[in-house]
Amino acid sequence: VAVVYAFVIGKFWFRELTFGDCFMALVEAAK
């Protein structure tokens, strides 16, 4: 739920989260 919430507020509320950011977030989280 925290992941979904973080994506929603970053992408649609603050409008600063790009799909490129999401990809890099996935990479860093995987590491």
PDB file of all heavy atoms in Angstrom:
ATOM      1  N   VAL A   1       0.844  -1.205   0.000  1.00  0.00           N
ATOM      2  CA  VAL A   1       0.000   0.000   0.000  1.00  0.00           C
ATOM      3  C   VAL A   1       0.877   1.251   0.000  1.00  0.00           C
ATOM      4  O   VAL A   1       0.581   2.234  -0.693  1.00  0.00           O
ATOM      5  CB  VAL A   1      -0.943  -0.008   1.225  1.00  0.00           C
ATOM      6  CG1 VAL A   1      -1.634   1.346   1.387  1.00  0.00           C
ATOM      7  CG2 VAL A   1      -1.985  -1.111   1.084  1.00  0.00           C
ATOM      8  N   ALA A   2       1.975   1.229   0.760  1.00  0.00           N
ATOM      9  CA  ALA A   2       2.885   2.375   0.812  1.00  0.00           C
ATOM     10  C   ALA A   2       3.499   2.653  -0.560  1.00  0.00           C
ATOM     11  O   ALA A   2       3.678   3.817  -0.947  1.00  0.00           O
ATOM     12  CB  ALA A   2       3.991   2.125   1.845  1.00  0.00           C
ATOM     13  N   VAL A   3       3.802   1.590  -1.311  1.00  0.00           N
ATOM     14  CA  VAL A   3       4.350   1.765  -2.663  1.00  0.00           C
ATOM     15  C   VAL A   3       3.331   2.448  -3.572  1.00  0.00           C
ATOM     16  O   VAL A   3       3.650   3.410  -4.285  1.00  0.00           O
ATOM     17  CB  VAL A   3       4.768   0.406  -3.258  1.00  0.00           C
ATOM     18  CG1 VAL A   3       5.103   0.548  -4.743  1.00  0.00           C
ATOM     19  CG2 VAL A   3       5.976  -0.155  -2.513  1.00  0.00           C
ATOM     20  N   VAL A   4       2.094   1.955  -3.542  1.00  0.00           N
ATOM     21  CA  VAL A   4       1.038   2.558  -4.375  1.00  0.00           C
ATOM     22  C   VAL A   4       0.818   4.013  -3.979  1.00  0.00           C
ATOM     23  O   VAL A   4       0.709   4.907  -4.835  1.00  0.00           O
ATOM     24  CB  VAL A   4      -0.273   1.750  -4.241  1.00  0.00           C
ATOM     25  CG1 VAL A   4      -1.405   2.459  -4.982  1.00  0.00           C
ATOM     26  CG2 VAL A   4      -0.084   0.335  -4.768  1.00  0.00           C
ATOM     27  N   TYR A   5       0.774   4.274  -2.681  1.00  0.00           N
ATOM     28  CA  TYR A   5       0.557   5.627  -2.176  1.00  0.00           C
ATOM     29  C   TYR A   5       1.693   6.544  -2.605  1.00  0.00           C
ATOM     30  O   TYR A   5       1.464   7.680  -3.052  1.00  0.00           O
ATOM     31  CB  TYR A   5       0.447   5.586  -0.653  1.00  0.00           C
ATOM     32  CG  TYR A   5       0.144   6.918  -0.006  1.00  0.00           C
ATOM     33  CD1 TYR A   5      -1.113   7.501  -0.116  1.00  0.00           C
ATOM     34  CD2 TYR A   5       1.122   7.603   0.717  1.00  0.00           C
ATOM     35  CE1 TYR A   5      -1.398   8.717   0.476  1.00  0.00           C
ATOM     36  CE2 TYR A   5       0.843   8.823   1.315  1.00  0.00           C
ATOM     37  CZ  TYR A   5      -0.410   9.373   1.194  1.00  0.00           C
ATOM     38  OH  TYR A   5      -0.677  10.591   1.777  1.00  0.00           O
ATOM     39  N   ALA A   6       2.949   6.065  -2.491  1.00  0.00           N
ATOM     40  CA  ALA A   6       4.103   6.870  -2.890  1.00  0.00           C
ATOM     41  C   ALA A   6       4.063   7.195  -4.372  1.00  0.00           C
ATOM     42  O   ALA A   6       4.378   8.323  -4.789  1.00  0.00           O
ATOM     43  CB  ALA A   6       5.395   6.122  -2.540  1.00  0.00           C
ATOM     44  N   PHE A   7       3.657   6.222  -5.184  1.00  0.00           N
ATOM     45  CA  PHE A   7       3.566   6.456  -6.628  1.00  0.00           C
ATOM     46  C   PHE A   7       2.482   7.475  -6.952  1.00  0.00           C
ATOM     47  O   PHE A   7       2.693   8.397  -7.749  1.00  0.00           O
ATOM     48  CB  PHE A   7       3.273   5.141  -7.352  1.00  0.00           C
ATOM     49  CG  PHE A   7       3.027   5.301  -8.827  1.00  0.00           C
ATOM     50  CD1 PHE A   7       4.085   5.508  -9.702  1.00  0.00           C
ATOM     51  CD2 PHE A   7       1.733   5.281  -9.338  1.00  0.00           C
ATOM     52  CE1 PHE A   7       3.861   5.676 -11.067  1.00  0.00           C
ATOM     53  CE2 PHE A   7       1.499   5.446 -10.690  1.00  0.00           C
ATOM     54  CZ  PHE A   7       2.569   5.649 -11.558  1.00  0.00           C
ATOM     55  N   VAL A   8       1.334   7.343  -6.329  1.00  0.00           N
ATOM     56  CA  VAL A   8       0.207   8.237  -6.621  1.00  0.00           C
ATOM     57  C   VAL A   8       0.529   9.682  -6.252  1.00  0.00           C
ATOM     58  O   VAL A   8       0.314  10.597  -7.053  1.00  0.00           O
ATOM     59  CB  VAL A   8      -1.064   7.758  -5.888  1.00  0.00           C
ATOM     60  CG1 VAL A   8      -2.166   8.813  -5.967  1.00  0.00           C
ATOM     61  CG2 VAL A   8      -1.561   6.450  -6.491  1.00  0.00           C
ATOM     62  N   ILE A   9       1.080   9.899  -5.053  1.00  0.00           N
ATOM     63  CA  ILE A   9       1.335  11.289  -4.660  1.00  0.00           C
ATOM     64  C   ILE A   9       2.509  11.882  -5.432  1.00  0.00           C
ATOM     65  O   ILE A   9       2.509  13.077  -5.743  1.00  0.00           O
ATOM     66  CB  ILE A   9       1.559  11.425  -3.140  1.00  0.00           C
ATOM     67  CG1 ILE A   9       2.842  10.717  -2.688  1.00  0.00           C
ATOM     68  CG2 ILE A   9       0.368  10.949  -2.360  1.00  0.00           C
ATOM     69  CD1 ILE A   9       3.197  10.996  -1.245  1.00  0.00           C
ATOM     70  N   GLY A  10       3.499  11.064  -5.774  1.00  0.00           N
ATOM     71  CA  GLY A  10       4.629  11.583  -6.540  1.00  0.00           C
ATOM     72  C   GLY A  10       4.270  11.883  -7.971  1.00  0.00           C
ATOM     73  O   GLY A  10       4.721  12.879  -8.548  1.00  0.00           O
ATOM     74  N   LYS A  11       3.432  11.027  -8.560  1.00  0.00           N
ATOM     75  CA  LYS A  11       3.087  11.157  -9.976  1.00  0.00           C
ATOM     76  C   LYS A  11       1.933  12.123 -10.210  1.00  0.00           C
ATOM     77  O   LYS A  11       1.980  12.953 -11.136  1.00  0.00           O
ATOM     78  CB  LYS A  11       2.733   9.769 -10.532  1.00  0.00           C
ATOM     79  CG  LYS A  11       2.399   9.745 -12.010  1.00  0.00           C
ATOM     80  CD  LYS A  11       3.629  10.035 -12.853  1.00  0.00           C
ATOM     81  CE  LYS A  11       3.307   9.935 -14.350  1.00  0.00           C
ATOM     82  NZ  LYS A  11       4.468  10.314 -15.162  1.00  0.00           N
ATOM     83  N   PHE A  12       0.886  12.038  -9.380  1.00  0.00           N
ATOM     84  CA  PHE A  12      -0.332  12.785  -9.676  1.00  0.00           C
ATOM     85  C   PHE A  12      -0.589  13.955  -8.735  1.00  0.00           C
ATOM     86  O   PHE A  12      -1.330  14.873  -9.100  1.00  0.00           O
ATOM     87  CB  PHE A  12      -1.541  11.830  -9.656  1.00  0.00           C
ATOM     88  CG  PHE A  12      -1.415  10.692 -10.618  1.00  0.00           C
ATOM     89  CD1 PHE A  12      -1.178   9.399 -10.170  1.00  0.00           C
ATOM     90  CD2 PHE A  12      -1.513  10.906 -11.984  1.00  0.00           C
ATOM     91  CE1 PHE A  12      -1.061   8.349 -11.060  1.00  0.00           C
ATOM     92  CE2 PHE A  12      -1.395   9.861 -12.889  1.00  0.00           C
ATOM     93  CZ  PHE A  12      -1.161   8.569 -12.421  1.00  0.00           C
ATOM     94  N   TRP A  13      -0.012  13.928  -7.518  1.00  0.00           N
ATOM     95  CA  TRP A  13      -0.225  15.033  -6.583  1.00  0.00           C
ATOM     96  C   TRP A  13       0.873  16.071  -6.734  1.00  0.00           C
ATOM     97  O   TRP A  13       0.611  17.231  -7.034  1.00  0.00           O
ATOM     98  CB  TRP A  13      -0.303  14.495  -5.155  1.00  0.00           C
ATOM     99  CG  TRP A  13      -0.629  15.538  -4.125  1.00  0.00           C
ATOM    100  CD1 TRP A  13       0.243  16.308  -3.422  1.00  0.00           C
ATOM    101  CD2 TRP A  13      -1.934  15.947  -3.706  1.00  0.00           C
ATOM    102  NE1 TRP A  13      -0.420  17.162  -2.582  1.00  0.00           N
ATOM    103  CE2 TRP A  13      -1.763  16.969  -2.735  1.00  0.00           C
ATOM    104  CE3 TRP A  13      -3.232  15.554  -4.041  1.00  0.00           C
ATOM    105  CZ2 TRP A  13      -2.835  17.596  -2.106  1.00  0.00           C
ATOM    106  CZ3 TRP A  13      -4.289  16.178  -3.407  1.00  0.00           C
ATOM    107  CH2 TRP A  13      -4.090  17.182  -2.459  1.00  0.00           C
ATOM    108  N   PHE A  14       2.135  15.660  -6.541  1.00  0.00           N
ATOM    109  CA  PHE A  14       3.253  16.590  -6.704  1.00  0.00           C
ATOM    110  C   PHE A  14       3.662  16.744  -8.170  1.00  0.00           C
ATOM    111  O   PHE A  14       4.286  17.722  -8.548  1.00  0.00           O
ATOM    112  CB  PHE A  14       4.463  16.119  -5.896  1.00  0.00           C
ATOM    113  CG  PHE A  14       4.248  16.129  -4.408  1.00  0.00           C
ATOM    114  CD1 PHE A  14       4.813  15.153  -3.608  1.00  0.00           C
ATOM    115  CD2 PHE A  14       3.486  17.115  -3.798  1.00  0.00           C
ATOM    116  CE1 PHE A  14       4.625  15.152  -2.231  1.00  0.00           C
ATOM    117  CE2 PHE A  14       3.287  17.128  -2.430  1.00  0.00           C
ATOM    118  CZ  PHE A  14       3.859  16.144  -1.641  1.00  0.00           C
ATOM    119  N   ARG A  15       3.361  15.729  -8.985  1.00  0.00           N
ATOM    120  CA  ARG A  15       3.660  15.730 -10.419  1.00  0.00           C
ATOM    121  C   ARG A  15       5.159  15.905 -10.690  1.00  0.00           C
ATOM    122  O   ARG A  15       5.554  16.594 -11.633  1.00  0.00           O
ATOM    123  CB  ARG A  15       2.855  16.825 -11.138  1.00  0.00           C
ATOM    124  CG  ARG A  15       1.352  16.619 -11.040  1.00  0.00           C
ATOM    125  CD  ARG A  15       0.585  17.656 -11.808  1.00  0.00           C
ATOM    126  NE  ARG A  15      -0.842  17.414 -11.707  1.00  0.00           N
ATOM    127  CZ  ARG A  15      -1.778  18.183 -12.282  1.00  0.00           C
ATOM    128  NH1 ARG A  15      -1.401  19.233 -13.006  1.00  0.00           N
ATOM    129  NH2 ARG A  15      -3.052  17.898 -12.142  1.00  0.00           N
ATOM    130  N   GLU A  16       5.967  15.274  -9.885  1.00  0.00           N
ATOM    131  CA  GLU A  16       7.417  15.347 -10.063  1.00  0.00           C
ATOM    132  C   GLU A  16       8.025  13.980 -10.376  1.00  0.00           C
ATOM    133  O   GLU A  16       9.188  13.893 -10.751  1.00  0.00           O
ATOM    134  CB  GLU A  16       8.089  15.912  -8.806  1.00  0.00           C
ATOM    135  CG  GLU A  16       7.731  17.363  -8.537  1.00  0.00           C
ATOM    136  CD  GLU A  16       8.524  17.948  -7.375  1.00  0.00           C
ATOM    137  OE1 GLU A  16       9.586  17.387  -7.038  1.00  0.00           O
ATOM    138  OE2 GLU A  16       8.077  18.958  -6.808  1.00  0.00           O
ATOM    139  N   LEU A  17       7.271  12.915 -10.212  1.00  0.00           N
ATOM    140  CA  LEU A  17       7.787  11.565 -10.406  1.00  0.00           C
ATOM    141  C   LEU A  17       7.574  11.143 -11.861  1.00  0.00           C
ATOM    142  O   LEU A  17       6.446  11.073 -12.339  1.00  0.00           O
ATOM    143  CB  LEU A  17       7.064  10.594  -9.466  1.00  0.00           C
ATOM    144  CG  LEU A  17       7.597   9.159  -9.411  1.00  0.00           C
ATOM    145  CD1 LEU A  17       8.981   9.132  -8.780  1.00  0.00           C
ATOM    146  CD2 LEU A  17       6.642   8.269  -8.601  1.00  0.00           C
ATOM    147  N   THR A  18       8.675  10.868 -12.555  1.00  0.00           N
ATOM    148  CA  THR A  18       8.587  10.419 -13.941  1.00  0.00           C
ATOM    149  C   THR A  18       8.708   8.895 -13.987  1.00  0.00           C
ATOM    150  O   THR A  18       9.096   8.250 -13.015  1.00  0.00           O
ATOM    151  CB  THR A  18       9.711  11.031 -14.788  1.00  0.00           C
ATOM    152  OG1 THR A  18      10.979  10.528 -14.321  1.00  0.00           O
ATOM    153  CG2 THR A  18       9.707  12.554 -14.666  1.00  0.00           C
ATOM    154  N   PHE A  19       8.405   8.329 -15.161  1.00  0.00           N
ATOM    155  CA  PHE A  19       8.548   6.878 -15.298  1.00  0.00           C
ATOM    156  C   PHE A  19      10.016   6.471 -15.259  1.00  0.00           C
ATOM    157  O   PHE A  19      10.357   5.363 -14.850  1.00  0.00           O
ATOM    158  CB  PHE A  19       7.865   6.403 -16.586  1.00  0.00           C
ATOM    159  CG  PHE A  19       6.365   6.409 -16.499  1.00  0.00           C
ATOM    160  CD1 PHE A  19       5.609   7.333 -17.220  1.00  0.00           C
ATOM    161  CD2 PHE A  19       5.700   5.517 -15.664  1.00  0.00           C
ATOM    162  CE1 PHE A  19       4.227   7.347 -17.126  1.00  0.00           C
ATOM    163  CE2 PHE A  19       4.314   5.520 -15.569  1.00  0.00           C
ATOM    164  CZ  PHE A  19       3.577   6.446 -16.289  1.00  0.00           C
ATOM    165  N   GLY A  20      10.895   7.387 -15.690  1.00  0.00           N
ATOM    166  CA  GLY A  20      12.327   7.134 -15.550  1.00  0.00           C
ATOM    167  C   GLY A  20      12.735   7.047 -14.087  1.00  0.00           C
ATOM    168  O   GLY A  20      13.540   6.188 -13.699  1.00  0.00           O
ATOM    169  N   ASP A  21      12.143   7.925 -13.270  1.00  0.00           N
ATOM    170  CA  ASP A  21      12.384   7.862 -11.824  1.00  0.00           C
ATOM    171  C   ASP A  21      11.891   6.545 -11.245  1.00  0.00           C
ATOM    172  O   ASP A  21      12.536   5.953 -10.369  1.00  0.00           O
ATOM    173  CB  ASP A  21      11.673   9.022 -11.118  1.00  0.00           C
ATOM    174  CG  ASP A  21      12.299  10.371 -11.425  1.00  0.00           C
ATOM    175  OD1 ASP A  21      13.515  10.413 -11.648  1.00  0.00           O
ATOM    176  OD2 ASP A  21      11.553  11.377 -11.441  1.00  0.00           O
ATOM    177  N   CYS A  22      10.731   6.102 -11.723  1.00  0.00           N
ATOM    178  CA  CYS A  22      10.179   4.833 -11.230  1.00  0.00           C
ATOM    179  C   CYS A  22      11.107   3.668 -11.559  1.00  0.00           C
ATOM    180  O   CYS A  22      11.311   2.766 -10.728  1.00  0.00           O
ATOM    181  CB  CYS A  22       8.801   4.581 -11.850  1.00  0.00           C
ATOM    182  SG  CYS A  22       7.528   5.739 -11.304  1.00  0.00           S
ATOM    183  N   PHE A  23      11.662   3.689 -12.756  1.00  0.00           N
ATOM    184  CA  PHE A  23      12.585   2.617 -13.147  1.00  0.00           C
ATOM    185  C   PHE A  23      13.813   2.610 -12.242  1.00  0.00           C
ATOM    186  O   PHE A  23      14.235   1.551 -11.746  1.00  0.00           O
ATOM    187  CB  PHE A  23      13.003   2.785 -14.604  1.00  0.00           C
ATOM    188  CG  PHE A  23      14.040   1.789 -15.056  1.00  0.00           C
ATOM    189  CD1 PHE A  23      13.673   0.478 -15.338  1.00  0.00           C
ATOM    190  CD2 PHE A  23      15.372   2.153 -15.169  1.00  0.00           C
ATOM    191  CE1 PHE A  23      14.631  -0.456 -15.736  1.00  0.00           C
ATOM    192  CE2 PHE A  23      16.334   1.235 -15.557  1.00  0.00           C
ATOM    193  CZ  PHE A  23      15.959  -0.078 -15.851  1.00  0.00           C
ATOM    194  N   MET A  24      14.407   3.797 -12.013  1.00  0.00           N
ATOM    195  CA  MET A  24      15.591   3.878 -11.158  1.00  0.00           C
ATOM    196  C   MET A  24      15.254   3.500  -9.715  1.00  0.00           C
ATOM    197  O   MET A  24      16.065   2.893  -9.009  1.00  0.00           O
ATOM    198  CB  MET A  24      16.181   5.287 -11.205  1.00  0.00           C
ATOM    199  CG  MET A  24      16.802   5.655 -12.552  1.00  0.00           C
ATOM    200  SD  MET A  24      18.001   4.422 -13.124  1.00  0.00           S
ATOM    201  CE  MET A  24      19.195   4.439 -11.781  1.00  0.00           C
ATOM    202  N   ALA A  25      14.038   3.849  -9.281  1.00  0.00           N
ATOM    203  CA  ALA A  25      13.604   3.459  -7.928  1.00  0.00           C
ATOM    204  C   ALA A  25      13.525   1.944  -7.809  1.00  0.00           C
ATOM    205  O   ALA A  25      13.930   1.361  -6.797  1.00  0.00           O
ATOM    206  CB  ALA A  25      12.251   4.091  -7.606  1.00  0.00           C
ATOM    207  N   LEU A  26      13.013   1.286  -8.851  1.00  0.00           N
ATOM    208  CA  LEU A  26      12.943  -0.176  -8.858  1.00  0.00           C
ATOM    209  C   LEU A  26      14.331  -0.801  -8.804  1.00  0.00           C
ATOM    210  O   LEU A  26      14.563  -1.773  -8.076  1.00  0.00           O
ATOM    211  CB  LEU A  26      12.198  -0.663 -10.105  1.00  0.00           C
ATOM    212  CG  LEU A  26      10.675  -0.498 -10.102  1.00  0.00           C
ATOM    213  CD1 LEU A  26      10.117  -0.713 -11.510  1.00  0.00           C
ATOM    214  CD2 LEU A  26      10.034  -1.480  -9.119  1.00  0.00           C
ATOM    215  N   VAL A  27      15.262  -0.213  -9.557  1.00  0.00           N
ATOM    216  CA  VAL A  27      16.633  -0.731  -9.576  1.00  0.00           C
ATOM    217  C   VAL A  27      17.277  -0.608  -8.195  1.00  0.00           C
ATOM    218  O   VAL A  27      17.854  -1.566  -7.662  1.00  0.00           O
ATOM    219  CB  VAL A  27      17.480   0.014 -10.634  1.00  0.00           C
ATOM    220  CG1 VAL A  27      18.960  -0.358 -10.493  1.00  0.00           C
ATOM    221  CG2 VAL A  27      16.989  -0.304 -12.038  1.00  0.00           C
ATOM    222  N   GLU A  28      17.166   0.583  -7.597  1.00  0.00           N
ATOM    223  CA  GLU A  28      17.786   0.809  -6.285  1.00  0.00           C
ATOM    224  C   GLU A  28      17.122  -0.037  -5.195  1.00  0.00           C
ATOM    225  O   GLU A  28      17.791  -0.555  -4.303  1.00  0.00           O
ATOM    226  CB  GLU A  28      17.710   2.294  -5.920  1.00  0.00           C
ATOM    227  CG  GLU A  28      18.570   3.190  -6.793  1.00  0.00           C
ATOM    228  CD  GLU A  28      20.031   2.789  -6.774  1.00  0.00           C
ATOM    229  OE1 GLU A  28      20.561   2.491  -5.675  1.00  0.00           O
ATOM    230  OE2 GLU A  28      20.642   2.733  -7.853  1.00  0.00           O
ATOM    231  N   ALA A  29      15.798  -0.162  -5.279  1.00  0.00           N
ATOM    232  CA  ALA A  29      15.090  -0.987  -4.294  1.00  0.00           C
ATOM    233  C   ALA A  29      15.489  -2.454  -4.431  1.00  0.00           C
ATOM    234  O   ALA A  29      15.628  -3.174  -3.434  1.00  0.00           O
ATOM    235  CB  ALA A  29      13.579  -0.842  -4.468  1.00  0.00           C
ATOM    236  N   ALA A  30      15.679  -2.909  -5.674  1.00  0.00           N
ATOM    237  CA  ALA A  30      16.113  -4.295  -5.900  1.00  0.00           C
ATOM    238  C   ALA A  30      17.500  -4.523  -5.310  1.00  0.00           C
ATOM    239  O   ALA A  30      17.751  -5.570  -4.679  1.00  0.00           O
ATOM    240  CB  ALA A  30      16.115  -4.607  -7.395  1.00  0.00           C
ATOM    241  N   LYS A  31      18.392  -3.555  -5.490  1.00  0.00           N
ATOM    242  CA  LYS A  31      19.745  -3.678  -4.922  1.00  0.00           C
ATOM    243  C   LYS A  31      19.687  -3.753  -3.396  1.00  0.00           C
ATOM    244  O   LYS A  31      20.328  -4.606  -2.776  1.00  0.00           O
ATOM    245  CB  LYS A  31      20.600  -2.483  -5.344  1.00  0.00           C
ATOM    246  CG  LYS A  31      21.007  -2.465  -6.806  1.00  0.00           C
ATOM    247  CD  LYS A  31      21.844  -1.222  -7.106  1.00  0.00           C
ATOM    248  CE  LYS A  31      22.236  -1.139  -8.565  1.00  0.00           C
ATOM    249  NZ  LYS A  31      23.007   0.114  -8.843  1.00  0.00           N
TER     250      LYS A  31
END
